[in-house]
Amino acid sequence: MKGAWAEALARKHLLAKGYVLLGLNKRTPFGEIDLWMQDGPTYVAIEVKQRRDAVFGTPLEALTPTKYQRIYRSVVYLLGRDDVPVRLEAVLVHGTPKQFRIEHLLLEP
């Protein structure tokens, strides 16, 4: 898997911040959640995007409104309800496995 290193890096970053891993690459009829985690009482769906450079756009540009809606629908599907605390976040990885920079963002609806 081409971006596996970026997902592993994001996972390590979030675990160090105290998040608890609930699942990896959780597939639903609406798409996939890269990292399914919990931060205290809040469930967190994390999208990981990695780009070596900006030739094909930045990692943030890959998070389209359509992608956001798919993530949200996947969360509701996984929980089976929509009345629990949930956050959607992104970990953007710029660079290569040898030289990278991480951005951790809250995705707003």
C-alpha atoms as a PDB file:
ATOM      1  CA  MET A   1       0.000   0.000   0.000  1.00  0.00           C
ATOM      2  CA  LYS A   2       1.550   3.225  -1.204  1.00  0.00           C
ATOM      3  CA  GLY A   3       0.482   5.516   1.666  1.00  0.00           C
ATOM      4  CA  ALA A   4       0.821   2.952   4.449  1.00  0.00           C
ATOM      5  CA  TRP A   5       3.826   4.768   5.906  1.00  0.00           C
ATOM      6  CA  ALA A   6       1.797   7.986   6.213  1.00  0.00           C
ATOM      7  CA  GLU A   7      -1.066   6.200   7.962  1.00  0.00           C
ATOM      8  CA  ALA A   8       1.396   4.538  10.354  1.00  0.00           C
ATOM      9  CA  LEU A   9       2.977   7.926  11.063  1.00  0.00           C
ATOM     10  CA  ALA A  10      -0.433   9.522  11.675  1.00  0.00           C
ATOM     11  CA  ARG A  11      -1.452   6.666  13.969  1.00  0.00           C
ATOM     12  CA  LYS A  12       1.750   7.023  16.015  1.00  0.00           C
ATOM     13  CA  HIS A  13       1.228  10.808  16.234  1.00  0.00           C
ATOM     14  CA  LEU A  14      -2.352  10.420  17.497  1.00  0.00           C
ATOM     15  CA  LEU A  15      -1.571   7.615  19.951  1.00  0.00           C
ATOM     16  CA  ALA A  16       1.135   9.851  21.447  1.00  0.00           C
ATOM     17  CA  LYS A  17      -1.580  12.503  21.971  1.00  0.00           C
ATOM     18  CA  GLY A  18      -3.656  10.002  23.973  1.00  0.00           C
ATOM     19  CA  TYR A  19      -6.103   8.824  21.309  1.00  0.00           C
ATOM     20  CA  VAL A  20      -7.226   5.190  21.477  1.00  0.00           C
ATOM     21  CA  LEU A  21      -7.243   3.159  18.271  1.00  0.00           C
ATOM     22  CA  LEU A  22     -10.569   1.460  17.505  1.00  0.00           C
ATOM     23  CA  GLY A  23      -9.909   0.389  13.941  1.00  0.00           C
ATOM     24  CA  LEU A  24      -7.884   0.808  10.764  1.00  0.00           C
ATOM     25  CA  ASN A  25      -9.285   1.304   7.267  1.00  0.00           C
ATOM     26  CA  LYS A  26     -12.881   0.737   8.359  1.00  0.00           C
ATOM     27  CA  ARG A  27     -14.933   0.102   5.227  1.00  0.00           C
ATOM     28  CA  THR A  28     -18.588   1.060   4.964  1.00  0.00           C
ATOM     29  CA  PRO A  29     -21.026   1.298   2.042  1.00  0.00           C
ATOM     30  CA  PHE A  30     -20.142   5.016   1.864  1.00  0.00           C
ATOM     31  CA  GLY A  31     -16.363   4.754   1.839  1.00  0.00           C
ATOM     32  CA  GLU A  32     -13.488   4.117   4.189  1.00  0.00           C
ATOM     33  CA  ILE A  33     -12.301   5.705   7.405  1.00  0.00           C
ATOM     34  CA  ASP A  34      -8.510   5.553   7.564  1.00  0.00           C
ATOM     35  CA  LEU A  35      -8.240   5.724  11.360  1.00  0.00           C
ATOM     36  CA  TRP A  36     -11.175   5.150  13.696  1.00  0.00           C
ATOM     37  CA  MET A  37     -10.190   6.379  17.139  1.00  0.00           C
ATOM     38  CA  GLN A  38     -11.504   7.661  20.430  1.00  0.00           C
ATOM     39  CA  ASP A  39     -10.406  10.757  22.340  1.00  0.00           C
ATOM     40  CA  GLY A  40     -11.969  10.595  25.784  1.00  0.00           C
ATOM     41  CA  PRO A  41     -15.721  10.171  25.281  1.00  0.00           C
ATOM     42  CA  THR A  42     -15.540  11.371  21.658  1.00  0.00           C
ATOM     43  CA  TYR A  43     -15.292   9.114  18.633  1.00  0.00           C
ATOM     44  CA  VAL A  44     -12.904  10.455  16.006  1.00  0.00           C
ATOM     45  CA  ALA A  45     -12.790   9.604  12.308  1.00  0.00           C
ATOM     46  CA  ILE A  46      -9.439  10.552  10.822  1.00  0.00           C
ATOM     47  CA  GLU A  47      -8.657  10.932   7.139  1.00  0.00           C
ATOM     48  CA  VAL A  48      -4.955  10.665   6.300  1.00  0.00           C
ATOM     49  CA  LYS A  49      -3.716  12.403   3.154  1.00  0.00           C
ATOM     50  CA  GLN A  50      -0.117  12.374   1.971  1.00  0.00           C
ATOM     51  CA  ARG A  51       1.602  14.192  -0.885  1.00  0.00           C
ATOM     52  CA  ARG A  52       5.301  14.175  -1.693  1.00  0.00           C
ATOM     53  CA  ASP A  53       5.009  17.629  -3.274  1.00  0.00           C
ATOM     54  CA  ALA A  54       2.319  19.967  -4.606  1.00  0.00           C
ATOM     55  CA  VAL A  55       2.525  18.833  -8.254  1.00  0.00           C
ATOM     56  CA  PHE A  56      -0.861  17.101  -7.926  1.00  0.00           C
ATOM     57  CA  GLY A  57      -2.172  19.450  -5.248  1.00  0.00           C
ATOM     58  CA  THR A  58      -1.718  19.603  -1.512  1.00  0.00           C
ATOM     59  CA  PRO A  59      -3.077  17.006   0.910  1.00  0.00           C
ATOM     60  CA  LEU A  60      -5.670  19.556   2.063  1.00  0.00           C
ATOM     61  CA  GLU A  61      -6.934  20.043  -1.496  1.00  0.00           C
ATOM     62  CA  ALA A  62      -7.732  16.319  -1.616  1.00  0.00           C
ATOM     63  CA  LEU A  63     -10.302  16.764   1.173  1.00  0.00           C
ATOM     64  CA  THR A  64     -13.280  17.766  -0.927  1.00  0.00           C
ATOM     65  CA  PRO A  65     -16.825  18.398   0.332  1.00  0.00           C
ATOM     66  CA  THR A  66     -17.820  15.064  -1.253  1.00  0.00           C
ATOM     67  CA  LYS A  67     -15.060  13.269   0.676  1.00  0.00           C
ATOM     68  CA  TYR A  68     -16.184  14.967   3.893  1.00  0.00           C
ATOM     69  CA  GLN A  69     -19.786  13.797   3.353  1.00  0.00           C
ATOM     70  CA  ARG A  70     -18.618  10.226   2.725  1.00  0.00           C
ATOM     71  CA  ILE A  71     -16.632  10.248   5.958  1.00  0.00           C
ATOM     72  CA  TYR A  72     -19.607  11.620   7.900  1.00  0.00           C
ATOM     73  CA  ARG A  73     -21.990   9.013   6.438  1.00  0.00           C
ATOM     74  CA  SER A  74     -19.452   6.297   7.275  1.00  0.00           C
ATOM     75  CA  VAL A  75     -19.307   7.477  10.896  1.00  0.00           C
ATOM     76  CA  VAL A  76     -23.086   7.389  11.284  1.00  0.00           C
ATOM     77  CA  TYR A  77     -23.120   3.931   9.686  1.00  0.00           C
ATOM     78  CA  LEU A  78     -20.412   2.590  12.038  1.00  0.00           C
ATOM     79  CA  LEU A  79     -22.079   3.995  15.142  1.00  0.00           C
ATOM     80  CA  GLY A  80     -25.610   3.097  14.087  1.00  0.00           C
ATOM     81  CA  ARG A  81     -26.753   6.450  15.472  1.00  0.00           C
ATOM     82  CA  ASP A  82     -26.005  10.162  15.303  1.00  0.00           C
ATOM     83  CA  ASP A  83     -26.443  11.285  18.902  1.00  0.00           C
ATOM     84  CA  VAL A  84     -22.970  10.588  20.305  1.00  0.00           C
ATOM     85  CA  PRO A  85     -19.998  12.968  20.291  1.00  0.00           C
ATOM     86  CA  VAL A  86     -18.001  12.624  17.079  1.00  0.00           C
ATOM     87  CA  ARG A  87     -15.218  14.638  15.463  1.00  0.00           C
ATOM     88  CA  LEU A  88     -13.859  14.449  11.971  1.00  0.00           C
ATOM     89  CA  GLU A  89     -10.161  15.189  11.690  1.00  0.00           C
ATOM     90  CA  ALA A  90      -7.429  15.007   9.106  1.00  0.00           C
ATOM     91  CA  VAL A  91      -3.749  14.283   9.371  1.00  0.00           C
ATOM     92  CA  LEU A  92      -1.931  15.758   6.403  1.00  0.00           C
ATOM     93  CA  VAL A  93       1.542  14.443   5.681  1.00  0.00           C
ATOM     94  CA  HIS A  94       3.788  16.525   3.437  1.00  0.00           C
ATOM     95  CA  GLY A  95       6.930  14.876   2.077  1.00  0.00           C
ATOM     96  CA  THR A  96       8.500  11.444   2.043  1.00  0.00           C
ATOM     97  CA  PRO A  97       9.197   8.804   4.696  1.00  0.00           C
ATOM     98  CA  LYS A  98      12.672  10.308   5.174  1.00  0.00           C
ATOM     99  CA  GLN A  99      11.637  13.958   5.314  1.00  0.00           C
ATOM    100  CA  PHE A 100       8.100  14.958   6.249  1.00  0.00           C
ATOM    101  CA  ARG A 101       5.899  17.465   8.020  1.00  0.00           C
ATOM    102  CA  ILE A 102       2.605  16.642   9.753  1.00  0.00           C
ATOM    103  CA  GLU A 103      -0.488  18.840  10.050  1.00  0.00           C
ATOM    104  CA  HIS A 104      -3.361  17.742  12.299  1.00  0.00           C
ATOM    105  CA  LEU A 105      -6.663  19.484  11.535  1.00  0.00           C
ATOM    106  CA  LEU A 106     -10.226  19.467  12.798  1.00  0.00           C
ATOM    107  CA  LEU A 107     -12.605  19.172   9.834  1.00  0.00           C
ATOM    108  CA  GLU A 108     -15.539  21.541  10.101  1.00  0.00           C
ATOM    109  CA  PRO A 109     -18.844  20.698   8.422  1.00  0.00           C
END
